[in-house]
Amino acid sequence: MAAKSALKTKIKAVIKNVESKNKENAAGALKAAIPALAKAGAKGLIHKKNASRKISRLTQKVNSLK
């Protein structure tokens, strides 16, 4: 439960920075979220494809700022 909650917090940090149009902080938050998502997918906390999809969508949002 704690690991899943921490994962959601990292995802929300990326989304919050994208919505405030803060490129540097969004990119930094994304760098923290990607390994956490990949690790959660590898461990079976979330499905692997779900993790991959979330990484892709967050990356697209951050890249849309540039």
Protein backbone atom coordinates (compact mmCIF):
# COMPACT_ATOMS: atom_id res chain seq x y z
CA MET A 1 0.00 0.00 0.00
CA ALA A 2 2.76 2.43 0.93
CA ALA A 3 4.68 1.76 -2.28
CA LYS A 4 1.56 2.30 -4.38
CA SER A 5 0.81 5.55 -2.54
CA ALA A 6 4.37 6.81 -3.10
CA LEU A 7 4.04 5.96 -6.78
CA LYS A 8 0.82 7.97 -7.09
CA THR A 9 2.48 10.91 -5.32
CA LYS A 10 5.33 10.93 -7.85
CA ILE A 11 2.86 10.83 -10.75
CA LYS A 12 0.85 13.71 -9.26
CA ALA A 13 4.04 15.77 -8.89
CA VAL A 14 4.70 15.46 -12.63
CA ILE A 15 1.12 16.39 -13.53
CA LYS A 16 1.12 19.36 -11.13
CA ASN A 17 4.31 20.78 -12.67
CA VAL A 18 3.00 20.25 -16.20
CA GLU A 19 -0.23 22.08 -15.36
CA SER A 20 1.75 25.00 -13.90
CA LYS A 21 3.91 24.97 -17.06
CA ASN A 22 7.15 24.59 -15.10
CA LYS A 23 9.48 22.79 -17.52
CA GLU A 24 12.47 22.24 -15.24
CA ASN A 25 10.51 20.91 -12.26
CA ALA A 26 8.32 18.75 -14.51
CA ALA A 27 11.38 17.19 -16.10
CA GLY A 28 12.92 16.57 -12.67
CA ALA A 29 9.74 15.00 -11.34
CA LEU A 30 9.53 12.83 -14.46
CA LYS A 31 13.10 11.60 -13.88
CA ALA A 32 12.03 10.46 -10.41
CA ALA A 33 8.74 8.92 -11.58
CA ILE A 34 10.07 6.82 -14.49
CA PRO A 35 12.29 4.48 -12.43
CA ALA A 36 9.58 4.17 -9.78
CA LEU A 37 7.00 3.18 -12.40
CA ALA A 38 9.39 0.75 -14.07
CA LYS A 39 10.26 -0.87 -10.75
CA ALA A 40 6.57 -1.15 -9.78
CA GLY A 41 5.84 -2.81 -13.13
CA ALA A 42 8.73 -5.23 -12.74
CA LYS A 43 7.69 -6.21 -9.23
CA GLY A 44 4.06 -6.71 -10.19
CA LEU A 45 2.74 -3.84 -8.10
CA ILE A 46 1.06 -2.62 -11.28
CA HIS A 47 0.90 -4.38 -14.64
CA LYS A 48 4.01 -3.95 -16.84
CA LYS A 49 2.03 -2.50 -19.73
CA ASN A 50 0.20 -0.14 -17.38
CA ALA A 51 3.56 1.14 -16.13
CA SER A 52 4.82 1.55 -19.69
CA ARG A 53 1.68 3.42 -20.70
CA LYS A 54 1.92 5.79 -17.74
CA ILE A 55 5.59 6.49 -18.50
CA SER A 56 4.74 7.23 -22.12
CA ARG A 57 1.84 9.54 -21.31
CA LEU A 58 3.75 11.48 -18.66
CA THR A 59 6.69 11.88 -21.04
CA GLN A 60 4.39 13.22 -23.74
CA LYS A 61 2.94 15.77 -21.32
CA VAL A 62 6.38 16.99 -20.27
CA ASN A 63 7.61 17.15 -23.86
CA SER A 64 4.56 19.20 -24.88
CA LEU A 65 5.89 22.04 -22.68
CA LYS A 66 9.05 22.41 -24.77
